[in-house]
Amino acid sequence: MEKIEQVKTTFGLGQIGNSTPKWAKWIFRIVLYLCSGSILAITTLNVGRLGMNSEDIKDTVALLSFITVAVHALSRMVGVEIKQEDYQIK
């Protein structure tokens, strides 16, 4: 099978069932690891020395959690439509 040179990447709710491009998966992974590591560091280390009180810690963890969920949702809305016509059998 020969793949056609140009693959169309589209964005929207209709792309949830389609394959996610590798670049979108890697962006999500990077954000997930950074946010998770930050949440782990904030909740386990003594961050009071940095001037963060419990209210600041709660707000920061909530914001990082929201960013993680939002980026995951956005990455799922980027899809690559692969149609049967995109492949030719020689």
PDB file of N, CA and C in Angstrom:
ATOM      1  N   MET A   1       0.836  -1.175   0.000  1.00  0.00           N
ATOM      2  CA  MET A   1       0.000   0.000   0.000  1.00  0.00           C
ATOM      3  C   MET A   1       0.885   1.244   0.000  1.00  0.00           C
ATOM      4  N   GLU A   2       0.464   2.185  -0.783  1.00  0.00           N
ATOM      5  CA  GLU A   2       1.214   3.440  -0.870  1.00  0.00           C
ATOM      6  C   GLU A   2       0.388   4.550  -0.246  1.00  0.00           C
ATOM      7  N   LYS A   3       0.998   5.252   0.663  1.00  0.00           N
ATOM      8  CA  LYS A   3       0.304   6.321   1.376  1.00  0.00           C
ATOM      9  C   LYS A   3       0.353   7.596   0.556  1.00  0.00           C
ATOM     10  N   ILE A   4      -0.743   8.313   0.489  1.00  0.00           N
ATOM     11  CA  ILE A   4      -0.775   9.596  -0.205  1.00  0.00           C
ATOM     12  C   ILE A   4       0.045  10.586   0.597  1.00  0.00           C
ATOM     13  N   GLU A   5       0.743  11.467  -0.098  1.00  0.00           N
ATOM     14  CA  GLU A   5       1.692  12.389   0.514  1.00  0.00           C
ATOM     15  C   GLU A   5       1.087  13.281   1.589  1.00  0.00           C
ATOM     16  N   GLN A   6      -0.075  13.846   1.348  1.00  0.00           N
ATOM     17  CA  GLN A   6      -0.617  14.830   2.267  1.00  0.00           C
ATOM     18  C   GLN A   6      -1.773  14.236   3.067  1.00  0.00           C
ATOM     19  N   VAL A   7      -1.652  14.286   4.382  1.00  0.00           N
ATOM     20  CA  VAL A   7      -2.707  13.803   5.263  1.00  0.00           C
ATOM     21  C   VAL A   7      -3.334  15.015   5.926  1.00  0.00           C
ATOM     22  N   LYS A   8      -4.638  15.073   5.935  1.00  0.00           N
ATOM     23  CA  LYS A   8      -5.342  16.229   6.470  1.00  0.00           C
ATOM     24  C   LYS A   8      -5.551  16.070   7.976  1.00  0.00           C
ATOM     25  N   THR A   9      -5.037  17.039   8.738  1.00  0.00           N
ATOM     26  CA  THR A   9      -5.255  17.075  10.174  1.00  0.00           C
ATOM     27  C   THR A   9      -6.330  18.113  10.440  1.00  0.00           C
ATOM     28  N   THR A  10      -7.376  17.705  11.143  1.00  0.00           N
ATOM     29  CA  THR A  10      -8.475  18.616  11.416  1.00  0.00           C
ATOM     30  C   THR A  10      -8.727  18.706  12.914  1.00  0.00           C
ATOM     31  N   PHE A  11      -9.508  19.719  13.306  1.00  0.00           N
ATOM     32  CA  PHE A  11      -9.790  19.972  14.711  1.00  0.00           C
ATOM     33  C   PHE A  11     -11.289  20.095  14.911  1.00  0.00           C
ATOM     34  N   GLY A  12     -11.789  19.518  15.979  1.00  0.00           N
ATOM     35  CA  GLY A  12     -13.199  19.649  16.305  1.00  0.00           C
ATOM     36  C   GLY A  12     -13.732  18.430  17.033  1.00  0.00           C
ATOM     37  N   LEU A  13     -14.969  18.514  17.465  1.00  0.00           N
ATOM     38  CA  LEU A  13     -15.574  17.402  18.210  1.00  0.00           C
ATOM     39  C   LEU A  13     -15.723  16.153  17.356  1.00  0.00           C
ATOM     40  N   GLY A  14     -15.818  16.312  16.048  1.00  0.00           N
ATOM     41  CA  GLY A  14     -15.950  15.166  15.164  1.00  0.00           C
ATOM     42  C   GLY A  14     -14.684  14.330  15.056  1.00  0.00           C
ATOM     43  N   GLN A  15     -13.594  14.811  15.608  1.00  0.00           N
ATOM     44  CA  GLN A  15     -12.321  14.100  15.503  1.00  0.00           C
ATOM     45  C   GLN A  15     -12.046  13.186  16.691  1.00  0.00           C
ATOM     46  N   ILE A  16     -12.916  13.152  17.667  1.00  0.00           N
ATOM     47  CA  ILE A  16     -12.673  12.380  18.892  1.00  0.00           C
ATOM     48  C   ILE A  16     -12.436  10.903  18.584  1.00  0.00           C
ATOM     49  N   GLY A  17     -13.133  10.347  17.625  1.00  0.00           N
ATOM     50  CA  GLY A  17     -12.968   8.934  17.294  1.00  0.00           C
ATOM     51  C   GLY A  17     -11.813   8.639  16.355  1.00  0.00           C
ATOM     52  N   ASN A  18     -11.235   9.667  15.744  1.00  0.00           N
ATOM     53  CA  ASN A  18     -10.140   9.469  14.790  1.00  0.00           C
ATOM     54  C   ASN A  18      -8.796   9.358  15.500  1.00  0.00           C
ATOM     55  N   SER A  19      -7.802   8.933  14.757  1.00  0.00           N
ATOM     56  CA  SER A  19      -6.456   8.801  15.306  1.00  0.00           C
ATOM     57  C   SER A  19      -5.886  10.175  15.649  1.00  0.00           C
ATOM     58  N   THR A  20      -5.216  10.250  16.797  1.00  0.00           N
ATOM     59  CA  THR A  20      -4.580  11.491  17.225  1.00  0.00           C
ATOM     60  C   THR A  20      -3.157  11.520  16.681  1.00  0.00           C
ATOM     61  N   PRO A  21      -2.727  12.635  16.087  1.00  0.00           N
ATOM     62  CA  PRO A  21      -1.360  12.717  15.575  1.00  0.00           C
ATOM     63  C   PRO A  21      -0.338  12.613  16.700  1.00  0.00           C
ATOM     64  N   LYS A  22       0.865  12.148  16.341  1.00  0.00           N
ATOM     65  CA  LYS A  22       1.910  11.970  17.356  1.00  0.00           C
ATOM     66  C   LYS A  22       2.273  13.277  18.042  1.00  0.00           C
ATOM     67  N   TRP A  23       2.290  14.397  17.305  1.00  0.00           N
ATOM     68  CA  TRP A  23       2.681  15.656  17.927  1.00  0.00           C
ATOM     69  C   TRP A  23       1.683  16.063  19.004  1.00  0.00           C
ATOM     70  N   ALA A  24       0.388  15.784  18.806  1.00  0.00           N
ATOM     71  CA  ALA A  24      -0.619  16.108  19.825  1.00  0.00           C
ATOM     72  C   ALA A  24      -0.460  15.209  21.047  1.00  0.00           C
ATOM     73  N   LYS A  25      -0.137  13.932  20.804  1.00  0.00           N
ATOM     74  CA  LYS A  25       0.095  13.015  21.920  1.00  0.00           C
ATOM     75  C   LYS A  25       1.301  13.443  22.739  1.00  0.00           C
ATOM     76  N   TRP A  26       2.373  13.880  22.075  1.00  0.00           N
ATOM     77  CA  TRP A  26       3.576  14.291  22.795  1.00  0.00           C
ATOM     78  C   TRP A  26       3.367  15.584  23.564  1.00  0.00           C
ATOM     79  N   ILE A  27       2.607  16.514  23.012  1.00  0.00           N
ATOM     80  CA  ILE A  27       2.304  17.743  23.754  1.00  0.00           C
ATOM     81  C   ILE A  27       1.534  17.389  25.023  1.00  0.00           C
ATOM     82  N   PHE A  28       0.555  16.503  24.913  1.00  0.00           N
ATOM     83  CA  PHE A  28      -0.203  16.096  26.093  1.00  0.00           C
ATOM     84  C   PHE A  28       0.697  15.411  27.107  1.00  0.00           C
ATOM     85  N   ARG A  29       1.563  14.524  26.658  1.00  0.00           N
ATOM     86  CA  ARG A  29       2.450  13.829  27.588  1.00  0.00           C
ATOM     87  C   ARG A  29       3.367  14.791  28.327  1.00  0.00           C
ATOM     88  N   ILE A  30       3.923  15.750  27.596  1.00  0.00           N
ATOM     89  CA  ILE A  30       4.822  16.720  28.226  1.00  0.00           C
ATOM     90  C   ILE A  30       4.077  17.534  29.271  1.00  0.00           C
ATOM     91  N   VAL A  31       2.878  18.029  28.921  1.00  0.00           N
ATOM     92  CA  VAL A  31       2.084  18.808  29.875  1.00  0.00           C
ATOM     93  C   VAL A  31       1.682  17.945  31.064  1.00  0.00           C
ATOM     94  N   LEU A  32       1.283  16.697  30.812  1.00  0.00           N
ATOM     95  CA  LEU A  32       0.899  15.786  31.888  1.00  0.00           C
ATOM     96  C   LEU A  32       2.051  15.574  32.862  1.00  0.00           C
ATOM     97  N   TYR A  33       3.243  15.296  32.342  1.00  0.00           N
ATOM     98  CA  TYR A  33       4.388  15.040  33.224  1.00  0.00           C
ATOM     99  C   TYR A  33       4.804  16.290  33.987  1.00  0.00           C
ATOM    100  N   LEU A  34       4.798  17.447  33.321  1.00  0.00           N
ATOM    101  CA  LEU A  34       5.167  18.688  34.010  1.00  0.00           C
ATOM    102  C   LEU A  34       4.160  19.043  35.099  1.00  0.00           C
ATOM    103  N   CYS A  35       2.882  18.969  34.777  1.00  0.00           N
ATOM    104  CA  CYS A  35       1.858  19.296  35.771  1.00  0.00           C
ATOM    105  C   CYS A  35       1.837  18.287  36.916  1.00  0.00           C
ATOM    106  N   SER A  36       1.957  17.003  36.591  1.00  0.00           N
ATOM    107  CA  SER A  36       1.954  15.981  37.642  1.00  0.00           C
ATOM    108  C   SER A  36       3.166  16.127  38.553  1.00  0.00           C
ATOM    109  N   GLY A  37       4.324  16.380  37.968  1.00  0.00           N
ATOM    110  CA  GLY A  37       5.525  16.587  38.780  1.00  0.00           C
ATOM    111  C   GLY A  37       5.407  17.825  39.652  1.00  0.00           C
ATOM    112  N   SER A  38       4.824  18.879  39.109  1.00  0.00           N
ATOM    113  CA  SER A  38       4.629  20.098  39.891  1.00  0.00           C
ATOM    114  C   SER A  38       3.646  19.865  41.032  1.00  0.00           C
ATOM    115  N   ILE A  39       2.563  19.155  40.758  1.00  0.00           N
ATOM    116  CA  ILE A  39       1.589  18.853  41.813  1.00  0.00           C
ATOM    117  C   ILE A  39       2.230  18.008  42.897  1.00  0.00           C
ATOM    118  N   LEU A  40       3.006  17.014  42.508  1.00  0.00           N
ATOM    119  CA  LEU A  40       3.695  16.166  43.475  1.00  0.00           C
ATOM    120  C   LEU A  40       4.660  16.978  44.325  1.00  0.00           C
ATOM    121  N   ALA A  41       5.431  17.856  43.689  1.00  0.00           N
ATOM    122  CA  ALA A  41       6.390  18.678  44.420  1.00  0.00           C
ATOM    123  C   ALA A  41       5.685  19.642  45.370  1.00  0.00           C
ATOM    124  N   ILE A  42       4.618  20.268  44.909  1.00  0.00           N
ATOM    125  CA  ILE A  42       3.902  21.245  45.734  1.00  0.00           C
ATOM    126  C   ILE A  42       3.267  20.579  46.943  1.00  0.00           C
ATOM    127  N   THR A  43       2.700  19.394  46.744  1.00  0.00           N
ATOM    128  CA  THR A  43       1.971  18.751  47.841  1.00  0.00           C
ATOM    129  C   THR A  43       2.877  17.997  48.800  1.00  0.00           C
ATOM    130  N   THR A  44       4.067  17.608  48.401  1.00  0.00           N
ATOM    131  CA  THR A  44       4.920  16.815  49.291  1.00  0.00           C
ATOM    132  C   THR A  44       6.070  17.604  49.910  1.00  0.00           C
ATOM    133  N   LEU A  45       6.539  18.628  49.245  1.00  0.00           N
ATOM    134  CA  LEU A  45       7.648  19.408  49.784  1.00  0.00           C
ATOM    135  C   LEU A  45       7.140  20.486  50.723  1.00  0.00           C
ATOM    136  N   ASN A  46       8.003  20.967  51.530  1.00  0.00           N
ATOM    137  CA  ASN A  46       7.647  22.048  52.441  1.00  0.00           C
ATOM    138  C   ASN A  46       7.724  23.366  51.674  1.00  0.00           C
ATOM    139  N   VAL A  47       6.633  23.733  50.999  1.00  0.00           N
ATOM    140  CA  VAL A  47       6.639  24.921  50.167  1.00  0.00           C
ATOM    141  C   VAL A  47       6.312  26.182  50.956  1.00  0.00           C
ATOM    142  N   GLY A  48       6.078  26.043  52.258  1.00  0.00           N
ATOM    143  CA  GLY A  48       5.850  27.210  53.088  1.00  0.00           C
ATOM    144  C   GLY A  48       7.053  28.132  53.090  1.00  0.00           C
ATOM    145  N   ARG A  49       8.216  27.541  52.869  1.00  0.00           N
ATOM    146  CA  ARG A  49       9.431  28.358  52.791  1.00  0.00           C
ATOM    147  C   ARG A  49       9.415  29.261  51.573  1.00  0.00           C
ATOM    148  N   LEU A  50       8.656  28.905  50.574  1.00  0.00           N
ATOM    149  CA  LEU A  50       8.571  29.709  49.358  1.00  0.00           C
ATOM    150  C   LEU A  50       7.488  30.775  49.456  1.00  0.00           C
ATOM    151  N   GLY A  51       6.830  30.849  50.589  1.00  0.00           N
ATOM    152  CA  GLY A  51       5.795  31.857  50.778  1.00  0.00           C
ATOM    153  C   GLY A  51       4.411  31.412  50.341  1.00  0.00           C
ATOM    154  N   MET A  52       4.210  30.119  50.124  1.00  0.00           N
ATOM    155  CA  MET A  52       2.887  29.630  49.724  1.00  0.00           C
ATOM    156  C   MET A  52       2.129  29.148  50.950  1.00  0.00           C
ATOM    157  N   ASN A  53       0.950  29.672  51.145  1.00  0.00           N
ATOM    158  CA  ASN A  53       0.109  29.165  52.227  1.00  0.00           C
ATOM    159  C   ASN A  53      -0.806  28.075  51.669  1.00  0.00           C
ATOM    160  N   SER A  54      -1.625  27.499  52.520  1.00  0.00           N
ATOM    161  CA  SER A  54      -2.456  26.374  52.091  1.00  0.00           C
ATOM    162  C   SER A  54      -3.461  26.775  51.011  1.00  0.00           C
ATOM    163  N   GLU A  55      -3.939  28.006  51.049  1.00  0.00           N
ATOM    164  CA  GLU A  55      -4.884  28.473  50.023  1.00  0.00           C
ATOM    165  C   GLU A  55      -4.199  28.587  48.656  1.00  0.00           C
ATOM    166  N   ASP A  56      -2.967  29.092  48.645  1.00  0.00           N
ATOM    167  CA  ASP A  56      -2.203  29.188  47.398  1.00  0.00           C
ATOM    168  C   ASP A  56      -1.902  27.810  46.828  1.00  0.00           C
ATOM    169  N   ILE A  57      -1.568  26.874  47.696  1.00  0.00           N
ATOM    170  CA  ILE A  57      -1.270  25.505  47.256  1.00  0.00           C
ATOM    171  C   ILE A  57      -2.515  24.886  46.628  1.00  0.00           C
ATOM    172  N   LYS A  58      -3.662  25.052  47.282  1.00  0.00           N
ATOM    173  CA  LYS A  58      -4.919  24.493  46.754  1.00  0.00           C
ATOM    174  C   LYS A  58      -5.251  25.087  45.389  1.00  0.00           C
ATOM    175  N   ASP A  59      -5.115  26.391  45.255  1.00  0.00           N
ATOM    176  CA  ASP A  59      -5.411  27.047  43.983  1.00  0.00           C
ATOM    177  C   ASP A  59      -4.450  26.617  42.880  1.00  0.00           C
ATOM    178  N   THR A  60      -3.176  26.472  43.207  1.00  0.00           N
ATOM    179  CA  THR A  60      -2.175  26.058  42.219  1.00  0.00           C
ATOM    180  C   THR A  60      -2.422  24.627  41.755  1.00  0.00           C
ATOM    181  N   VAL A  61      -2.727  23.737  42.691  1.00  0.00           N
ATOM    182  CA  VAL A  61      -3.015  22.339  42.328  1.00  0.00           C
ATOM    183  C   VAL A  61      -4.274  22.267  41.470  1.00  0.00           C
ATOM    184  N   ALA A  62      -5.286  23.049  41.807  1.00  0.00           N
ATOM    185  CA  ALA A  62      -6.518  23.056  41.007  1.00  0.00           C
ATOM    186  C   ALA A  62      -6.239  23.567  39.591  1.00  0.00           C
ATOM    187  N   LEU A  63      -5.439  24.614  39.471  1.00  0.00           N
ATOM    188  CA  LEU A  63      -5.096  25.154  38.155  1.00  0.00           C
ATOM    189  C   LEU A  63      -4.297  24.147  37.328  1.00  0.00           C
ATOM    190  N   LEU A  64      -3.318  23.502  37.932  1.00  0.00           N
ATOM    191  CA  LEU A  64      -2.524  22.502  37.202  1.00  0.00           C
ATOM    192  C   LEU A  64      -3.379  21.314  36.780  1.00  0.00           C
ATOM    193  N   SER A  65      -4.318  20.908  37.619  1.00  0.00           N
ATOM    194  CA  SER A  65      -5.234  19.810  37.261  1.00  0.00           C
ATOM    195  C   SER A  65      -6.130  20.211  36.094  1.00  0.00           C
ATOM    196  N   PHE A  66      -6.633  21.439  36.122  1.00  0.00           N
ATOM    197  CA  PHE A  66      -7.467  21.926  35.022  1.00  0.00           C
ATOM    198  C   PHE A  66      -6.675  21.971  33.716  1.00  0.00           C
ATOM    199  N   ILE A  67      -5.438  22.451  33.762  1.00  0.00           N
ATOM    200  CA  ILE A  67      -4.595  22.519  32.560  1.00  0.00           C
ATOM    201  C   ILE A  67      -4.389  21.125  31.976  1.00  0.00           C
ATOM    202  N   THR A  68      -4.146  20.143  32.846  1.00  0.00           N
ATOM    203  CA  THR A  68      -3.940  18.765  32.380  1.00  0.00           C
ATOM    204  C   THR A  68      -5.172  18.231  31.661  1.00  0.00           C
ATOM    205  N   VAL A  69      -6.342  18.427  32.246  1.00  0.00           N
ATOM    206  CA  VAL A  69      -7.587  17.940  31.633  1.00  0.00           C
ATOM    207  C   VAL A  69      -7.880  18.694  30.336  1.00  0.00           C
ATOM    208  N   ALA A  70      -7.660  20.004  30.330  1.00  0.00           N
ATOM    209  CA  ALA A  70      -7.940  20.809  29.137  1.00  0.00           C
ATOM    210  C   ALA A  70      -7.038  20.410  27.970  1.00  0.00           C
ATOM    211  N   VAL A  71      -5.759  20.214  28.234  1.00  0.00           N
ATOM    212  CA  VAL A  71      -4.837  19.825  27.162  1.00  0.00           C
ATOM    213  C   VAL A  71      -5.175  18.437  26.643  1.00  0.00           C
ATOM    214  N   HIS A  72      -5.569  17.537  27.529  1.00  0.00           N
ATOM    215  CA  HIS A  72      -5.960  16.201  27.076  1.00  0.00           C
ATOM    216  C   HIS A  72      -7.200  16.285  26.181  1.00  0.00           C
ATOM    217  N   ALA A  73      -8.180  17.084  26.576  1.00  0.00           N
ATOM    218  CA  ALA A  73      -9.388  17.225  25.763  1.00  0.00           C
ATOM    219  C   ALA A  73      -9.055  17.834  24.403  1.00  0.00           C
ATOM    220  N   LEU A  74      -8.203  18.846  24.390  1.00  0.00           N
ATOM    221  CA  LEU A  74      -7.815  19.470  23.121  1.00  0.00           C
ATOM    222  C   LEU A  74      -7.037  18.506  22.236  1.00  0.00           C
ATOM    223  N   SER A  75      -6.178  17.693  22.848  1.00  0.00           N
ATOM    224  CA  SER A  75      -5.402  16.750  22.037  1.00  0.00           C
ATOM    225  C   SER A  75      -6.295  15.690  21.407  1.00  0.00           C
ATOM    226  N   ARG A  76      -7.393  15.340  22.067  1.00  0.00           N
ATOM    227  CA  ARG A  76      -8.317  14.356  21.500  1.00  0.00           C
ATOM    228  C   ARG A  76      -9.153  14.956  20.372  1.00  0.00           C
ATOM    229  N   MET A  77      -9.270  16.275  20.321  1.00  0.00           N
ATOM    230  CA  MET A  77     -10.058  16.908  19.269  1.00  0.00           C
ATOM    231  C   MET A  77      -9.245  17.173  18.005  1.00  0.00           C
ATOM    232  N   VAL A  78      -7.956  16.848  18.037  1.00  0.00           N
ATOM    233  CA  VAL A  78      -7.133  16.943  16.837  1.00  0.00           C
ATOM    234  C   VAL A  78      -7.066  15.538  16.261  1.00  0.00           C
ATOM    235  N   GLY A  79      -7.514  15.392  15.041  1.00  0.00           N
ATOM    236  CA  GLY A  79      -7.562  14.064  14.459  1.00  0.00           C
ATOM    237  C   GLY A  79      -7.067  14.027  13.039  1.00  0.00           C
ATOM    238  N   VAL A  80      -6.701  12.842  12.631  1.00  0.00           N
ATOM    239  CA  VAL A  80      -6.279  12.601  11.262  1.00  0.00           C
ATOM    240  C   VAL A  80      -7.302  11.669  10.652  1.00  0.00           C
ATOM    241  N   GLU A  81      -7.965  12.149   9.623  1.00  0.00           N
ATOM    242  CA  GLU A  81      -8.940  11.313   8.939  1.00  0.00           C
ATOM    243  C   GLU A  81      -8.224  10.446   7.920  1.00  0.00           C
ATOM    244  N   ILE A  82      -8.356   9.148   8.076  1.00  0.00           N
ATOM    245  CA  ILE A  82      -7.759   8.209   7.127  1.00  0.00           C
ATOM    246  C   ILE A  82      -8.913   7.521   6.405  1.00  0.00           C
ATOM    247  N   LYS A  83      -8.989   7.774   5.116  1.00  0.00           N
ATOM    248  CA  LYS A  83     -10.058   7.194   4.306  1.00  0.00           C
ATOM    249  C   LYS A  83      -9.487   6.077   3.443  1.00  0.00           C
ATOM    250  N   GLN A  84     -10.357   5.222   2.981  1.00  0.00           N
ATOM    251  CA  GLN A  84      -9.935   4.116   2.131  1.00  0.00           C
ATOM    252  C   GLN A  84      -9.296   4.634   0.846  1.00  0.00           C
ATOM    253  N   GLU A  85      -9.771   5.788   0.361  1.00  0.00           N
ATOM    254  CA  GLU A  85      -9.232   6.354  -0.880  1.00  0.00           C
ATOM    255  C   GLU A  85      -7.802   6.868  -0.696  1.00  0.00           C
ATOM    256  N   ASP A  86      -7.375   7.045   0.558  1.00  0.00           N
ATOM    257  CA  ASP A  86      -6.024   7.550   0.826  1.00  0.00           C
ATOM    258  C   ASP A  86      -4.952   6.505   0.542  1.00  0.00           C
ATOM    259  N   TYR A  87      -5.344   5.266   0.342  1.00  0.00           N
ATOM    260  CA  TYR A  87      -4.393   4.196   0.083  1.00  0.00           C
ATOM    261  C   TYR A  87      -4.679   3.562  -1.266  1.00  0.00           C
ATOM    262  N   GLN A  88      -3.620   3.237  -1.973  1.00  0.00           N
ATOM    263  CA  GLN A  88      -3.762   2.588  -3.267  1.00  0.00           C
ATOM    264  C   GLN A  88      -2.966   1.293  -3.236  1.00  0.00           C
ATOM    265  N   ILE A  89      -3.565   0.251  -3.726  1.00  0.00           N
ATOM    266  CA  ILE A  89      -2.876  -1.032  -3.798  1.00  0.00           C
ATOM    267  C   ILE A  89      -2.297  -1.171  -5.193  1.00  0.00           C
ATOM    268  N   LYS A  90      -1.012  -1.414  -5.250  1.00  0.00           N
ATOM    269  CA  LYS A  90      -0.348  -1.590  -6.550  1.00  0.00           C
ATOM    270  C   LYS A  90      -0.027  -3.029  -6.803  1.00  0.00           C
TER     271      LYS A  90
END
